[in-house]
N, C-alpha and C. Protein backbone atom coordinates (compact mmCIF):
# COMPACT_ATOMS: atom_id res chain seq x y z
N UNK A 1 113.01 88.24 76.08
CA UNK A 1 112.46 88.57 77.38
C UNK A 1 111.82 87.34 78.02
N UNK A 2 111.73 86.24 77.29
CA UNK A 2 111.09 85.03 77.81
C UNK A 2 112.02 84.37 78.82
N UNK A 3 111.64 84.39 80.08
CA UNK A 3 112.42 83.80 81.15
C UNK A 3 111.51 82.89 81.96
N UNK A 4 112.13 82.17 82.89
CA UNK A 4 111.34 81.35 83.80
C UNK A 4 110.38 82.25 84.57
N UNK A 5 109.15 81.81 84.67
CA UNK A 5 108.13 82.61 85.36
C UNK A 5 108.01 82.12 86.80
N UNK A 6 108.01 83.03 87.76
CA UNK A 6 107.84 82.63 89.16
C UNK A 6 106.49 81.95 89.38
N UNK A 7 106.49 80.99 90.30
CA UNK A 7 105.25 80.34 90.70
C UNK A 7 104.39 81.35 91.47
N UNK A 8 103.11 81.04 91.70
CA UNK A 8 102.28 81.97 92.47
C UNK A 8 102.85 82.30 93.85
N UNK A 9 103.39 81.32 94.56
CA UNK A 9 103.96 81.62 95.89
C UNK A 9 105.24 82.43 95.77
N UNK A 10 106.05 82.16 94.76
CA UNK A 10 107.25 82.96 94.52
C UNK A 10 106.87 84.40 94.18
N UNK A 11 105.80 84.56 93.40
CA UNK A 11 105.34 85.90 93.06
C UNK A 11 104.89 86.66 94.30
N UNK A 12 104.26 85.97 95.23
CA UNK A 12 103.84 86.61 96.49
C UNK A 12 105.06 87.17 97.23
N UNK A 13 106.13 86.38 97.30
CA UNK A 13 107.35 86.85 97.96
C UNK A 13 107.98 88.01 97.19
N UNK A 14 107.99 87.92 95.87
CA UNK A 14 108.55 89.01 95.07
C UNK A 14 107.76 90.31 95.26
N UNK A 15 106.45 90.20 95.28
CA UNK A 15 105.62 91.40 95.47
C UNK A 15 105.95 92.08 96.80
N UNK A 16 106.15 91.30 97.84
CA UNK A 16 106.53 91.88 99.13
C UNK A 16 107.89 92.56 99.03
N UNK A 17 108.81 91.96 98.30
CA UNK A 17 110.14 92.55 98.15
C UNK A 17 110.13 93.78 97.24
N UNK A 18 109.23 93.83 96.27
CA UNK A 18 109.11 95.02 95.43
C UNK A 18 108.58 96.19 96.23
N UNK A 19 107.76 95.92 97.22
CA UNK A 19 107.21 96.99 98.06
C UNK A 19 108.21 97.49 99.08
N UNK A 20 109.03 96.58 99.61
CA UNK A 20 110.01 96.95 100.64
C UNK A 20 111.19 95.99 100.53
N UNK A 21 112.38 96.56 100.46
CA UNK A 21 113.55 95.72 100.28
C UNK A 21 114.78 96.45 100.77
N UNK A 22 115.75 95.77 101.33
CA UNK A 22 115.80 94.34 101.55
C UNK A 22 115.05 93.93 102.81
N UNK A 23 114.71 92.66 102.87
CA UNK A 23 114.04 92.08 104.04
C UNK A 23 114.75 90.79 104.42
N UNK A 24 114.79 90.51 105.72
CA UNK A 24 115.30 89.22 106.18
C UNK A 24 114.22 88.18 105.88
N UNK A 25 114.59 86.92 105.96
CA UNK A 25 113.62 85.84 105.74
C UNK A 25 112.49 85.94 106.75
N UNK A 26 112.81 86.27 107.98
CA UNK A 26 111.79 86.39 109.03
C UNK A 26 110.84 87.56 108.71
N UNK A 27 111.39 88.71 108.33
CA UNK A 27 110.56 89.86 107.99
C UNK A 27 109.67 89.55 106.79
N UNK A 28 110.24 88.90 105.81
CA UNK A 28 109.48 88.54 104.62
C UNK A 28 108.37 87.56 104.97
N UNK A 29 108.68 86.59 105.81
CA UNK A 29 107.67 85.63 106.25
C UNK A 29 106.51 86.35 106.95
N UNK A 30 106.82 87.30 107.80
CA UNK A 30 105.77 88.06 108.50
C UNK A 30 104.89 88.83 107.51
N UNK A 31 105.49 89.33 106.44
CA UNK A 31 104.74 90.09 105.43
C UNK A 31 103.75 89.21 104.66
N UNK A 32 104.10 87.95 104.44
CA UNK A 32 103.29 87.10 103.55
C UNK A 32 102.55 85.97 104.25
N UNK A 33 102.75 85.80 105.54
CA UNK A 33 102.19 84.61 106.21
C UNK A 33 100.67 84.54 106.14
N UNK A 34 99.98 85.66 106.17
CA UNK A 34 98.52 85.60 106.10
C UNK A 34 98.04 85.18 104.72
N UNK A 35 98.81 85.49 103.69
CA UNK A 35 98.43 85.10 102.34
C UNK A 35 98.83 83.66 102.02
N UNK A 36 100.06 83.29 102.40
CA UNK A 36 100.55 81.96 102.04
C UNK A 36 100.18 80.88 103.04
N UNK A 37 100.00 81.26 104.29
CA UNK A 37 99.58 80.32 105.34
C UNK A 37 100.48 79.10 105.42
N UNK A 38 101.77 79.36 105.48
CA UNK A 38 102.70 78.26 105.63
C UNK A 38 103.73 78.61 106.68
N UNK A 39 104.60 77.66 107.01
CA UNK A 39 105.57 77.83 108.08
C UNK A 39 106.76 78.68 107.64
N UNK A 40 107.49 79.16 108.62
CA UNK A 40 108.70 79.93 108.36
C UNK A 40 109.70 79.09 107.57
N UNK A 41 109.80 77.80 107.88
CA UNK A 41 110.75 76.94 107.16
C UNK A 41 110.38 76.84 105.67
N UNK A 42 109.10 76.89 105.35
CA UNK A 42 108.68 76.88 103.94
C UNK A 42 109.11 78.17 103.24
N UNK A 43 109.01 79.29 103.96
CA UNK A 43 109.48 80.55 103.39
C UNK A 43 110.97 80.47 103.11
N UNK A 44 111.74 79.95 104.06
CA UNK A 44 113.20 79.80 103.88
C UNK A 44 113.53 78.91 102.69
N UNK A 45 112.85 77.77 102.58
CA UNK A 45 113.12 76.84 101.47
C UNK A 45 112.77 77.49 100.14
N UNK A 46 111.67 78.22 100.10
CA UNK A 46 111.28 78.88 98.85
C UNK A 46 112.29 79.96 98.50
N UNK A 47 112.75 80.72 99.47
CA UNK A 47 113.78 81.73 99.21
C UNK A 47 115.07 81.10 98.68
N UNK A 48 115.45 79.97 99.23
CA UNK A 48 116.64 79.26 98.74
C UNK A 48 116.47 78.86 97.27
N UNK A 49 115.29 78.33 96.93
CA UNK A 49 115.03 77.96 95.53
C UNK A 49 115.02 79.20 94.64
N UNK A 50 114.42 80.27 95.14
CA UNK A 50 114.37 81.51 94.35
C UNK A 50 115.78 82.08 94.14
N UNK A 51 116.62 81.96 95.14
CA UNK A 51 118.01 82.41 95.00
C UNK A 51 118.71 81.57 93.93
N UNK A 52 118.50 80.26 93.98
CA UNK A 52 119.11 79.36 93.00
C UNK A 52 118.64 79.65 91.57
N UNK A 53 117.41 80.11 91.43
CA UNK A 53 116.86 80.46 90.12
C UNK A 53 117.19 81.90 89.71
N UNK A 54 117.89 82.63 90.58
CA UNK A 54 118.23 84.04 90.36
C UNK A 54 117.00 84.94 90.36
N UNK A 55 115.98 84.58 91.12
CA UNK A 55 114.79 85.42 91.28
C UNK A 55 115.01 86.45 92.39
N UNK A 56 115.86 86.11 93.37
CA UNK A 56 116.18 87.02 94.47
C UNK A 56 117.70 87.07 94.65
N UNK A 57 118.15 88.14 95.27
CA UNK A 57 119.55 88.32 95.61
C UNK A 57 119.66 88.28 97.12
N UNK A 58 120.56 87.45 97.62
CA UNK A 58 120.79 87.32 99.05
C UNK A 58 122.09 88.04 99.39
N UNK A 59 122.06 88.83 100.45
CA UNK A 59 123.27 89.50 100.92
C UNK A 59 123.23 89.56 102.44
N UNK A 60 124.26 90.11 103.02
CA UNK A 60 124.33 90.18 104.47
C UNK A 60 124.40 91.64 104.90
N UNK A 61 123.57 91.99 105.87
CA UNK A 61 123.57 93.33 106.45
C UNK A 61 123.64 93.17 107.97
N UNK A 62 124.70 93.68 108.56
CA UNK A 62 124.91 93.59 110.01
C UNK A 62 124.78 92.16 110.52
N UNK A 63 125.32 91.21 109.75
CA UNK A 63 125.31 89.81 110.16
C UNK A 63 124.00 89.07 109.90
N UNK A 64 123.04 89.72 109.26
CA UNK A 64 121.74 89.10 108.98
C UNK A 64 121.60 88.93 107.47
N UNK A 65 121.17 87.74 107.05
CA UNK A 65 120.92 87.49 105.63
C UNK A 65 119.64 88.21 105.23
N UNK A 66 119.74 89.02 104.17
CA UNK A 66 118.57 89.75 103.67
C UNK A 66 118.41 89.45 102.18
N UNK A 67 117.21 89.72 101.69
CA UNK A 67 116.86 89.41 100.31
C UNK A 67 116.27 90.64 99.63
N UNK A 68 116.54 90.73 98.34
CA UNK A 68 115.85 91.71 97.50
C UNK A 68 115.53 91.04 96.18
N UNK A 69 114.54 91.56 95.49
CA UNK A 69 114.11 90.97 94.22
C UNK A 69 115.19 91.17 93.17
N UNK A 70 115.47 90.12 92.42
CA UNK A 70 116.39 90.22 91.29
C UNK A 70 115.61 90.41 90.00
N UNK A 71 114.35 90.01 90.00
CA UNK A 71 113.51 90.18 88.82
C UNK A 71 112.89 91.57 88.83
N UNK A 72 112.83 92.17 87.66
CA UNK A 72 112.20 93.47 87.52
C UNK A 72 110.68 93.34 87.64
N UNK A 73 110.09 94.22 88.43
CA UNK A 73 108.66 94.17 88.70
C UNK A 73 107.83 94.26 87.42
N UNK A 74 108.04 95.30 86.63
CA UNK A 74 107.19 95.53 85.47
C UNK A 74 107.35 94.42 84.43
N UNK A 75 108.59 93.99 84.20
CA UNK A 75 108.83 92.92 83.23
C UNK A 75 108.16 91.62 83.66
N UNK A 76 108.25 91.30 84.94
CA UNK A 76 107.64 90.08 85.46
C UNK A 76 106.12 90.15 85.35
N UNK A 77 105.54 91.29 85.71
CA UNK A 77 104.09 91.44 85.63
C UNK A 77 103.61 91.45 84.18
N UNK A 78 104.41 92.01 83.29
CA UNK A 78 104.07 92.00 81.87
C UNK A 78 104.05 90.56 81.34
N UNK A 79 104.99 89.77 81.80
CA UNK A 79 105.04 88.36 81.40
C UNK A 79 103.78 87.63 81.87
N UNK A 80 103.37 87.87 83.11
CA UNK A 80 102.14 87.26 83.62
C UNK A 80 100.91 87.73 82.84
N UNK A 81 100.85 89.02 82.58
CA UNK A 81 99.69 89.58 81.87
C UNK A 81 99.59 89.04 80.45
N UNK A 82 100.71 88.94 79.77
CA UNK A 82 100.72 88.43 78.41
C UNK A 82 100.34 86.95 78.38
N UNK A 83 100.88 86.20 79.32
CA UNK A 83 100.56 84.78 79.41
C UNK A 83 99.07 84.59 79.68
N UNK A 84 98.52 85.37 80.61
CA UNK A 84 97.10 85.29 80.94
C UNK A 84 96.24 85.64 79.72
N UNK A 85 96.59 86.72 79.04
CA UNK A 85 95.82 87.16 77.87
C UNK A 85 95.81 86.08 76.78
N UNK A 86 96.97 85.50 76.54
CA UNK A 86 97.09 84.52 75.47
C UNK A 86 96.53 83.15 75.87
N UNK A 87 97.00 82.62 76.98
CA UNK A 87 96.66 81.25 77.37
C UNK A 87 95.26 81.12 77.94
N UNK A 88 94.87 82.05 78.77
CA UNK A 88 93.58 81.94 79.46
C UNK A 88 92.46 82.58 78.65
N UNK A 89 92.68 83.81 78.19
CA UNK A 89 91.62 84.53 77.48
C UNK A 89 91.65 84.32 75.96
N UNK A 90 92.74 83.70 75.46
CA UNK A 90 92.92 83.46 74.03
C UNK A 90 92.84 84.74 73.22
N UNK A 91 93.45 85.80 73.74
CA UNK A 91 93.53 87.07 73.04
C UNK A 91 94.75 87.07 72.12
N UNK A 92 94.64 87.74 70.98
CA UNK A 92 95.77 87.85 70.07
C UNK A 92 96.69 89.01 70.44
N UNK A 93 96.19 89.96 71.19
CA UNK A 93 96.98 91.12 71.58
C UNK A 93 97.07 91.23 73.09
N UNK A 94 97.77 92.25 73.56
CA UNK A 94 97.94 92.42 75.01
C UNK A 94 96.65 92.89 75.68
N UNK A 95 96.59 92.69 76.98
CA UNK A 95 95.48 93.21 77.77
C UNK A 95 95.54 94.74 77.75
N UNK A 96 94.41 95.42 77.81
CA UNK A 96 94.44 96.88 77.86
C UNK A 96 95.05 97.36 79.18
N UNK A 97 95.87 98.37 79.11
CA UNK A 97 96.57 98.88 80.29
C UNK A 97 95.59 99.37 81.35
N UNK A 98 94.38 99.74 80.96
CA UNK A 98 93.37 100.21 81.91
C UNK A 98 93.06 99.16 82.97
N UNK A 99 93.30 97.90 82.66
CA UNK A 99 93.05 96.83 83.63
C UNK A 99 93.96 96.94 84.85
N UNK A 100 95.07 97.67 84.72
CA UNK A 100 96.05 97.77 85.79
C UNK A 100 95.98 99.11 86.52
N UNK A 101 95.06 99.96 86.14
CA UNK A 101 95.01 101.33 86.63
C UNK A 101 94.89 101.44 88.15
N UNK A 102 94.19 100.56 88.79
CA UNK A 102 94.00 100.66 90.23
C UNK A 102 94.91 99.72 91.03
N UNK A 103 95.98 99.28 90.40
CA UNK A 103 96.91 98.37 91.05
C UNK A 103 97.59 99.05 92.24
N UNK A 104 97.66 98.33 93.36
CA UNK A 104 98.37 98.83 94.53
C UNK A 104 99.87 98.58 94.40
N UNK A 105 100.24 97.79 93.41
CA UNK A 105 101.63 97.40 93.21
C UNK A 105 102.37 98.30 92.23
N UNK A 106 101.61 99.01 91.38
CA UNK A 106 102.24 99.77 90.30
C UNK A 106 101.92 101.26 90.40
N UNK A 107 102.94 102.08 90.15
CA UNK A 107 102.74 103.52 90.10
C UNK A 107 102.61 103.96 88.64
N UNK A 108 102.43 105.26 88.40
CA UNK A 108 102.22 105.76 87.04
C UNK A 108 103.39 105.44 86.12
N UNK A 109 104.61 105.55 86.63
CA UNK A 109 105.79 105.24 85.82
C UNK A 109 105.80 103.75 85.45
N UNK A 110 105.45 102.90 86.41
CA UNK A 110 105.38 101.46 86.14
C UNK A 110 104.34 101.17 85.06
N UNK A 111 103.20 101.85 85.14
CA UNK A 111 102.13 101.64 84.15
C UNK A 111 102.57 102.06 82.75
N UNK A 112 103.30 103.16 82.66
CA UNK A 112 103.81 103.60 81.35
C UNK A 112 104.78 102.57 80.79
N UNK A 113 105.67 102.08 81.64
CA UNK A 113 106.63 101.07 81.20
C UNK A 113 105.92 99.78 80.79
N UNK A 114 104.91 99.39 81.56
CA UNK A 114 104.14 98.20 81.23
C UNK A 114 103.43 98.37 79.89
N UNK A 115 102.87 99.54 79.65
CA UNK A 115 102.18 99.80 78.38
C UNK A 115 103.15 99.61 77.21
N UNK A 116 104.35 100.14 77.34
CA UNK A 116 105.35 99.99 76.28
C UNK A 116 105.70 98.52 76.07
N UNK A 117 105.87 97.78 77.17
CA UNK A 117 106.23 96.36 77.05
C UNK A 117 105.10 95.55 76.41
N UNK A 118 103.88 95.81 76.84
CA UNK A 118 102.75 95.06 76.30
C UNK A 118 102.54 95.37 74.82
N UNK A 119 102.75 96.62 74.44
CA UNK A 119 102.60 96.99 73.03
C UNK A 119 103.66 96.33 72.15
N UNK A 120 104.84 96.13 72.70
CA UNK A 120 105.95 95.57 71.93
C UNK A 120 106.05 94.05 72.05
N UNK A 121 105.29 93.46 72.96
CA UNK A 121 105.43 92.03 73.25
C UNK A 121 104.98 91.20 72.05
N UNK A 122 105.80 90.25 71.62
CA UNK A 122 105.36 89.36 70.53
C UNK A 122 104.29 88.42 71.05
N UNK A 123 103.53 87.87 70.16
CA UNK A 123 102.48 86.92 70.57
C UNK A 123 103.12 85.79 71.35
N UNK A 124 102.45 85.38 72.42
CA UNK A 124 102.95 84.29 73.26
C UNK A 124 102.96 82.99 72.48
N UNK A 125 103.90 82.13 72.84
CA UNK A 125 104.00 80.83 72.16
C UNK A 125 102.88 79.91 72.58
């Protein structure tokens, strides 16, 4: 399950796509511009890099290029949580699932899946 981890700005774009997808580059830029505070061209360049890394899927709808997340939400968030627990907090085990209970990004099914992944996750390298 160890894959390349999205950068913080890539994660911001992925979170927007997990909430609503597909989105054009312009729509995605509008969703994240207050958080990332960068230009539309930066959003486009980041999407191109994310496409090259297979983090997003680009397709065409009615002549407009649109994007959707290629990375699974729960798996990606589990990777971040495990990395944080191990590298930052120096924990030997996973973070308690209760830490994610009030997440605006995850529903009950996502939390159950995350709990299973965190319980099964081997110790981080």
